[in-house]
């Protein structure tokens, strides 16, 4: 059985190198830092400390540093820049607007619809695209279509890597609306964070979804 992976904070404590402020960092022609492996380890130690501080300062925030070997070259930034990214991530909140066009009338009782909502904070914008697959049925008494069931919900983001962790659907408005709460983990700029958003899908009298 493979040995469990140590948490980032434990990994950081095992790094023995001089403080990152004492390291002379070479830069390429574009002004980007060219870090050695030891310099990256020193930066990573600072990143872990920064995330711990930011989480402590922002109640209810759940985020952590990505494993060392998941960092791309673009993720290695100076600690102060990383701190600003961490603070922005801690303040990310979903807007209360949704971007959508109606799917149009549906002859059969099955329809798939994608809607978008966004999160904003200090110059950071991430779109969350949620696709719902539904079944509708015609009610002869009401002379209109209503939602019957929800088949599936999937999601993706416009930036970073998004892992959907679950969703909770709730049928409201007499079967005309599905309210969906969706959760997931966002990995962006070397930081993992958890988020939850709520969207509504509405069924038109003809069975279109918007």
C-alpha atoms as a PDB file:
ATOM      1  CA  UNK A   1       0.000   0.000   0.000  1.00  0.00           C
ATOM      2  CA  UNK A   2       1.335   3.407  -0.965  1.00  0.00           C
ATOM      3  CA  UNK A   3       2.292   5.699   1.893  1.00  0.00           C
ATOM      4  CA  UNK A   4      -0.144   8.579   2.491  1.00  0.00           C
ATOM      5  CA  UNK A   5       0.802  11.962   1.143  1.00  0.00           C
ATOM      6  CA  UNK A   6       1.836  14.395   3.843  1.00  0.00           C
ATOM      7  CA  UNK A   7      -0.158  17.624   4.106  1.00  0.00           C
ATOM      8  CA  UNK A   8       1.395  20.669   2.519  1.00  0.00           C
ATOM      9  CA  UNK A   9       2.097  22.249   5.891  1.00  0.00           C
ATOM     10  CA  UNK A  10       4.097  19.199   7.030  1.00  0.00           C
ATOM     11  CA  UNK A  11       5.993  19.135   3.738  1.00  0.00           C
ATOM     12  CA  UNK A  12       6.849  22.779   4.176  1.00  0.00           C
ATOM     13  CA  UNK A  13       8.221  22.266   7.665  1.00  0.00           C
ATOM     14  CA  UNK A  14      10.627  19.632   6.339  1.00  0.00           C
ATOM     15  CA  UNK A  15      12.202  22.091   3.918  1.00  0.00           C
ATOM     16  CA  UNK A  16      15.471  23.393   5.267  1.00  0.00           C
ATOM     17  CA  UNK A  17      16.710  26.393   3.323  1.00  0.00           C
ATOM     18  CA  UNK A  18      17.366  30.023   4.013  1.00  0.00           C
ATOM     19  CA  UNK A  19      14.506  32.487   4.048  1.00  0.00           C
ATOM     20  CA  UNK A  20      13.179  33.441   0.631  1.00  0.00           C
ATOM     21  CA  UNK A  21      13.902  37.121   1.187  1.00  0.00           C
ATOM     22  CA  UNK A  22      17.617  36.310   1.151  1.00  0.00           C
ATOM     23  CA  UNK A  23      17.515  34.616  -2.245  1.00  0.00           C
ATOM     24  CA  UNK A  24      18.713  36.413  -5.350  1.00  0.00           C
ATOM     25  CA  UNK A  25      16.264  35.541  -8.133  1.00  0.00           C
ATOM     26  CA  UNK A  26      17.396  35.616 -11.756  1.00  0.00           C
ATOM     27  CA  UNK A  27      14.863  36.877 -14.297  1.00  0.00           C
ATOM     28  CA  UNK A  28      14.441  36.193 -17.992  1.00  0.00           C
ATOM     29  CA  UNK A  29      13.957  38.755 -20.751  1.00  0.00           C
ATOM     30  CA  UNK A  30      10.249  39.025 -19.931  1.00  0.00           C
ATOM     31  CA  UNK A  31      10.948  39.885 -16.313  1.00  0.00           C
ATOM     32  CA  UNK A  32       9.729  36.518 -15.038  1.00  0.00           C
ATOM     33  CA  UNK A  33      11.582  34.830 -12.197  1.00  0.00           C
ATOM     34  CA  UNK A  34      13.787  31.866 -13.112  1.00  0.00           C
ATOM     35  CA  UNK A  35      13.867  29.828  -9.939  1.00  0.00           C
ATOM     36  CA  UNK A  36      16.108  26.949  -8.994  1.00  0.00           C
ATOM     37  CA  UNK A  37      14.625  23.928  -7.235  1.00  0.00           C
ATOM     38  CA  UNK A  38      15.881  25.184  -3.868  1.00  0.00           C
ATOM     39  CA  UNK A  39      14.387  28.620  -4.487  1.00  0.00           C
ATOM     40  CA  UNK A  40      11.057  27.007  -5.370  1.00  0.00           C
ATOM     41  CA  UNK A  41      11.137  25.038  -2.118  1.00  0.00           C
ATOM     42  CA  UNK A  42      11.758  28.247  -0.205  1.00  0.00           C
ATOM     43  CA  UNK A  43       8.893  29.990  -2.000  1.00  0.00           C
ATOM     44  CA  UNK A  44       6.616  27.020  -1.347  1.00  0.00           C
ATOM     45  CA  UNK A  45       7.315  27.213   2.371  1.00  0.00           C
ATOM     46  CA  UNK A  46       6.254  30.856   2.307  1.00  0.00           C
ATOM     47  CA  UNK A  47       3.137  30.015   0.288  1.00  0.00           C
ATOM     48  CA  UNK A  48       1.965  27.536   2.918  1.00  0.00           C
ATOM     49  CA  UNK A  49       2.429  30.103   5.670  1.00  0.00           C
ATOM     50  CA  UNK A  50       0.605  32.762   3.637  1.00  0.00           C
ATOM     51  CA  UNK A  51      -2.398  30.526   3.023  1.00  0.00           C
ATOM     52  CA  UNK A  52      -2.615  29.683   6.729  1.00  0.00           C
ATOM     53  CA  UNK A  53      -2.587  33.395   7.577  1.00  0.00           C
ATOM     54  CA  UNK A  54      -5.179  34.340   4.951  1.00  0.00           C
ATOM     55  CA  UNK A  55      -7.527  31.539   6.009  1.00  0.00           C
ATOM     56  CA  UNK A  56      -7.211  32.644   9.632  1.00  0.00           C
ATOM     57  CA  UNK A  57      -8.061  36.227   8.636  1.00  0.00           C
ATOM     58  CA  UNK A  58     -11.097  35.272   6.513  1.00  0.00           C
ATOM     59  CA  UNK A  59     -13.597  33.282   8.523  1.00  0.00           C
ATOM     60  CA  UNK A  60     -15.411  30.553   6.604  1.00  0.00           C
ATOM     61  CA  UNK A  61     -12.746  30.345   3.894  1.00  0.00           C
ATOM     62  CA  UNK A  62     -11.619  26.877   2.848  1.00  0.00           C
ATOM     63  CA  UNK A  63      -8.489  26.820   0.689  1.00  0.00           C
ATOM     64  CA  UNK A  64      -5.068  25.236   0.609  1.00  0.00           C
ATOM     65  CA  UNK A  65      -1.831  25.224  -1.398  1.00  0.00           C
ATOM     66  CA  UNK A  66      -1.601  22.811  -4.308  1.00  0.00           C
ATOM     67  CA  UNK A  67       1.007  20.038  -3.950  1.00  0.00           C
ATOM     68  CA  UNK A  68       4.526  21.151  -4.863  1.00  0.00           C
ATOM     69  CA  UNK A  69       4.707  19.030  -8.022  1.00  0.00           C
ATOM     70  CA  UNK A  70       1.424  20.457  -9.372  1.00  0.00           C
ATOM     71  CA  UNK A  71       2.848  23.979  -9.689  1.00  0.00           C
ATOM     72  CA  UNK A  72       3.450  25.214 -13.227  1.00  0.00           C
ATOM     73  CA  UNK A  73       6.175  27.735 -14.053  1.00  0.00           C
ATOM     74  CA  UNK A  74       3.510  30.466 -14.228  1.00  0.00           C
ATOM     75  CA  UNK A  75       2.405  29.614 -10.664  1.00  0.00           C
ATOM     76  CA  UNK A  76       5.802  30.485  -9.157  1.00  0.00           C
ATOM     77  CA  UNK A  77       5.438  34.136  -8.191  1.00  0.00           C
ATOM     78  CA  UNK A  78       6.996  36.221  -5.447  1.00  0.00           C
ATOM     79  CA  UNK A  79       5.428  35.629  -2.017  1.00  0.00           C
ATOM     80  CA  UNK A  80       3.807  39.060  -1.844  1.00  0.00           C
ATOM     81  CA  UNK A  81       2.107  38.521  -5.206  1.00  0.00           C
ATOM     82  CA  UNK A  82       0.994  35.080  -4.024  1.00  0.00           C
ATOM     83  CA  UNK A  83      -0.463  36.710  -0.894  1.00  0.00           C
ATOM     84  CA  UNK A  84      -2.523  39.084  -3.034  1.00  0.00           C
ATOM     85  CA  UNK A  85      -3.792  36.154  -5.105  1.00  0.00           C
ATOM     86  CA  UNK A  86      -4.714  34.293  -1.910  1.00  0.00           C
ATOM     87  CA  UNK A  87      -6.593  37.302  -0.519  1.00  0.00           C
ATOM     88  CA  UNK A  88      -8.480  37.723  -3.801  1.00  0.00           C
ATOM     89  CA  UNK A  89      -9.417  34.029  -3.744  1.00  0.00           C
ATOM     90  CA  UNK A  90     -10.663  34.304  -0.166  1.00  0.00           C
ATOM     91  CA  UNK A  91     -12.978  37.098  -1.292  1.00  0.00           C
ATOM     92  CA  UNK A  92     -14.372  35.347  -4.364  1.00  0.00           C
ATOM     93  CA  UNK A  93     -18.178  35.359  -4.301  1.00  0.00           C
ATOM     94  CA  UNK A  94     -20.738  34.317  -6.888  1.00  0.00           C
ATOM     95  CA  UNK A  95     -22.721  37.130  -8.452  1.00  0.00           C
ATOM     96  CA  UNK A  96     -26.505  37.026  -8.215  1.00  0.00           C
ATOM     97  CA  UNK A  97     -26.948  37.146 -11.975  1.00  0.00           C
ATOM     98  CA  UNK A  98     -27.113  34.360 -14.507  1.00  0.00           C
ATOM     99  CA  UNK A  99     -26.405  34.477 -18.216  1.00  0.00           C
ATOM    100  CA  UNK A 100     -28.738  32.340 -20.290  1.00  0.00           C
ATOM    101  CA  UNK A 101     -30.838  32.087 -23.432  1.00  0.00           C
ATOM    102  CA  UNK A 102     -33.934  29.927 -23.621  1.00  0.00           C
ATOM    103  CA  UNK A 103     -33.435  26.458 -25.087  1.00  0.00           C
ATOM    104  CA  UNK A 104     -36.601  26.905 -27.150  1.00  0.00           C
ATOM    105  CA  UNK A 105     -39.736  24.725 -27.360  1.00  0.00           C
ATOM    106  CA  UNK A 106     -39.177  21.014 -26.900  1.00  0.00           C
ATOM    107  CA  UNK A 107     -41.293  18.440 -28.711  1.00  0.00           C
ATOM    108  CA  UNK A 108     -40.125  15.538 -26.560  1.00  0.00           C
ATOM    109  CA  UNK A 109     -39.971  15.557 -22.771  1.00  0.00           C
ATOM    110  CA  UNK A 110     -36.181  15.782 -22.460  1.00  0.00           C
ATOM    111  CA  UNK A 111     -33.970  18.861 -22.619  1.00  0.00           C
ATOM    112  CA  UNK A 112     -30.390  19.883 -21.745  1.00  0.00           C
ATOM    113  CA  UNK A 113     -29.521  23.458 -20.844  1.00  0.00           C
ATOM    114  CA  UNK A 114     -26.286  25.256 -19.901  1.00  0.00           C
ATOM    115  CA  UNK A 115     -26.294  28.410 -17.764  1.00  0.00           C
ATOM    116  CA  UNK A 116     -23.464  30.630 -16.567  1.00  0.00           C
ATOM    117  CA  UNK A 117     -22.833  32.487 -13.344  1.00  0.00           C
ATOM    118  CA  UNK A 118     -19.626  34.289 -12.356  1.00  0.00           C
ATOM    119  CA  UNK A 119     -17.424  34.971  -9.363  1.00  0.00           C
ATOM    120  CA  UNK A 120     -15.572  38.252  -8.971  1.00  0.00           C
ATOM    121  CA  UNK A 121     -12.988  39.614  -6.535  1.00  0.00           C
ATOM    122  CA  UNK A 122     -10.257  42.214  -6.931  1.00  0.00           C
ATOM    123  CA  UNK A 123      -9.873  41.887 -10.670  1.00  0.00           C
ATOM    124  CA  UNK A 124     -10.385  38.105 -10.778  1.00  0.00           C
ATOM    125  CA  UNK A 125     -13.351  36.821 -12.803  1.00  0.00           C
ATOM    126  CA  UNK A 126     -14.155  33.119 -13.157  1.00  0.00           C
ATOM    127  CA  UNK A 127     -17.178  31.875 -15.100  1.00  0.00           C
ATOM    128  CA  UNK A 128     -18.997  28.778 -13.864  1.00  0.00           C
ATOM    129  CA  UNK A 129     -20.941  26.915 -16.570  1.00  0.00           C
ATOM    130  CA  UNK A 130     -23.612  24.550 -15.262  1.00  0.00           C
ATOM    131  CA  UNK A 131     -25.366  22.063 -17.568  1.00  0.00           C
ATOM    132  CA  UNK A 132     -28.588  20.448 -16.426  1.00  0.00           C
ATOM    133  CA  UNK A 133     -30.368  17.557 -18.110  1.00  0.00           C
ATOM    134  CA  UNK A 134     -34.102  17.441 -17.383  1.00  0.00           C
ATOM    135  CA  UNK A 135     -37.287  15.610 -18.244  1.00  0.00           C
ATOM    136  CA  UNK A 136     -40.533  17.541 -18.612  1.00  0.00           C
ATOM    137  CA  UNK A 137     -44.121  16.402 -18.937  1.00  0.00           C
ATOM    138  CA  UNK A 138     -47.342  17.985 -20.157  1.00  0.00           C
ATOM    139  CA  UNK A 139     -50.088  18.683 -17.621  1.00  0.00           C
ATOM    140  CA  UNK A 140     -53.479  18.602 -19.359  1.00  0.00           C
ATOM    141  CA  UNK A 141     -55.231  20.423 -16.522  1.00  0.00           C
ATOM    142  CA  UNK A 142     -52.763  23.321 -16.477  1.00  0.00           C
ATOM    143  CA  UNK A 143     -52.277  23.086 -20.258  1.00  0.00           C
ATOM    144  CA  UNK A 144     -48.506  23.509 -19.998  1.00  0.00           C
ATOM    145  CA  UNK A 145     -45.230  21.633 -19.481  1.00  0.00           C
ATOM    146  CA  UNK A 146     -43.667  21.156 -16.030  1.00  0.00           C
ATOM    147  CA  UNK A 147     -40.389  19.664 -14.853  1.00  0.00           C
ATOM    148  CA  UNK A 148     -40.709  15.968 -14.031  1.00  0.00           C
ATOM    149  CA  UNK A 149     -37.190  14.908 -13.035  1.00  0.00           C
ATOM    150  CA  UNK A 150     -33.566  15.976 -13.259  1.00  0.00           C
ATOM    151  CA  UNK A 151     -31.239  13.498 -14.952  1.00  0.00           C
ATOM    152  CA  UNK A 152     -27.845  15.042 -14.263  1.00  0.00           C
ATOM    153  CA  UNK A 153     -25.905  18.215 -13.511  1.00  0.00           C
ATOM    154  CA  UNK A 154     -22.346  18.874 -14.681  1.00  0.00           C
ATOM    155  CA  UNK A 155     -20.192  21.981 -14.460  1.00  0.00           C
ATOM    156  CA  UNK A 156     -16.914  23.554 -15.580  1.00  0.00           C
ATOM    157  CA  UNK A 157     -15.096  26.856 -15.123  1.00  0.00           C
ATOM    158  CA  UNK A 158     -13.631  29.333 -17.595  1.00  0.00           C
ATOM    159  CA  UNK A 159     -10.302  29.365 -15.733  1.00  0.00           C
ATOM    160  CA  UNK A 160      -8.298  26.884 -13.712  1.00  0.00           C
ATOM    161  CA  UNK A 161      -9.404  23.342 -12.936  1.00  0.00           C
ATOM    162  CA  UNK A 162     -12.854  22.696 -11.451  1.00  0.00           C
ATOM    163  CA  UNK A 163     -13.875  19.476  -9.699  1.00  0.00           C
ATOM    164  CA  UNK A 164     -17.598  19.245  -9.002  1.00  0.00           C
ATOM    165  CA  UNK A 165     -18.173  17.747  -5.563  1.00  0.00           C
ATOM    166  CA  UNK A 166     -21.949  17.502  -5.619  1.00  0.00           C
ATOM    167  CA  UNK A 167     -25.258  19.236  -6.196  1.00  0.00           C
ATOM    168  CA  UNK A 168     -28.621  19.555  -4.472  1.00  0.00           C
ATOM    169  CA  UNK A 169     -31.730  20.079  -6.639  1.00  0.00           C
ATOM    170  CA  UNK A 170     -35.002  21.494  -5.314  1.00  0.00           C
ATOM    171  CA  UNK A 171     -38.203  21.607  -7.355  1.00  0.00           C
ATOM    172  CA  UNK A 172     -40.161  24.778  -6.574  1.00  0.00           C
ATOM    173  CA  UNK A 173     -42.832  27.076  -8.026  1.00  0.00           C
ATOM    174  CA  UNK A 174     -45.267  24.223  -8.583  1.00  0.00           C
ATOM    175  CA  UNK A 175     -42.835  22.314 -10.790  1.00  0.00           C
ATOM    176  CA  UNK A 176     -41.941  25.268 -13.001  1.00  0.00           C
ATOM    177  CA  UNK A 177     -38.472  25.861 -11.536  1.00  0.00           C
ATOM    178  CA  UNK A 178     -35.509  23.742 -10.459  1.00  0.00           C
ATOM    179  CA  UNK A 179     -33.284  25.499  -7.915  1.00  0.00           C
ATOM    180  CA  UNK A 180     -29.858  23.853  -7.911  1.00  0.00           C
ATOM    181  CA  UNK A 181     -27.088  24.352  -5.374  1.00  0.00           C
ATOM    182  CA  UNK A 182     -23.754  23.141  -6.734  1.00  0.00           C
ATOM    183  CA  UNK A 183     -20.395  22.772  -4.999  1.00  0.00           C
ATOM    184  CA  UNK A 184     -16.852  22.196  -6.195  1.00  0.00           C
ATOM    185  CA  UNK A 185     -13.112  22.729  -5.818  1.00  0.00           C
ATOM    186  CA  UNK A 186     -11.317  25.338  -7.895  1.00  0.00           C
ATOM    187  CA  UNK A 187      -7.593  25.023  -8.554  1.00  0.00           C
ATOM    188  CA  UNK A 188      -6.076  28.238  -9.917  1.00  0.00           C
ATOM    189  CA  UNK A 189      -2.621  29.841  -9.565  1.00  0.00           C
ATOM    190  CA  UNK A 190      -1.399  27.095  -7.233  1.00  0.00           C
ATOM    191  CA  UNK A 191      -4.314  27.485  -4.815  1.00  0.00           C
ATOM    192  CA  UNK A 192      -7.211  25.146  -4.149  1.00  0.00           C
ATOM    193  CA  UNK A 193     -10.464  26.602  -2.800  1.00  0.00           C
ATOM    194  CA  UNK A 194     -14.023  25.367  -2.335  1.00  0.00           C
ATOM    195  CA  UNK A 195     -17.079  27.237  -3.595  1.00  0.00           C
ATOM    196  CA  UNK A 196     -20.853  26.845  -3.781  1.00  0.00           C
ATOM    197  CA  UNK A 197     -23.281  28.526  -6.163  1.00  0.00           C
ATOM    198  CA  UNK A 198     -27.036  28.476  -6.700  1.00  0.00           C
ATOM    199  CA  UNK A 199     -28.786  28.687 -10.053  1.00  0.00           C
ATOM    200  CA  UNK A 200     -32.371  28.378 -11.232  1.00  0.00           C
ATOM    201  CA  UNK A 201     -33.628  26.603 -14.365  1.00  0.00           C
ATOM    202  CA  UNK A 202     -37.153  27.508 -15.472  1.00  0.00           C
ATOM    203  CA  UNK A 203     -39.533  25.479 -17.614  1.00  0.00           C
ATOM    204  CA  UNK A 204     -41.685  27.419 -20.087  1.00  0.00           C
ATOM    205  CA  UNK A 205     -45.281  26.383 -20.925  1.00  0.00           C
ATOM    206  CA  UNK A 206     -43.947  24.848 -24.162  1.00  0.00           C
ATOM    207  CA  UNK A 207     -41.205  22.866 -22.376  1.00  0.00           C
ATOM    208  CA  UNK A 208     -38.275  25.146 -23.156  1.00  0.00           C
ATOM    209  CA  UNK A 209     -35.746  25.680 -20.365  1.00  0.00           C
ATOM    210  CA  UNK A 210     -34.114  28.990 -19.486  1.00  0.00           C
END
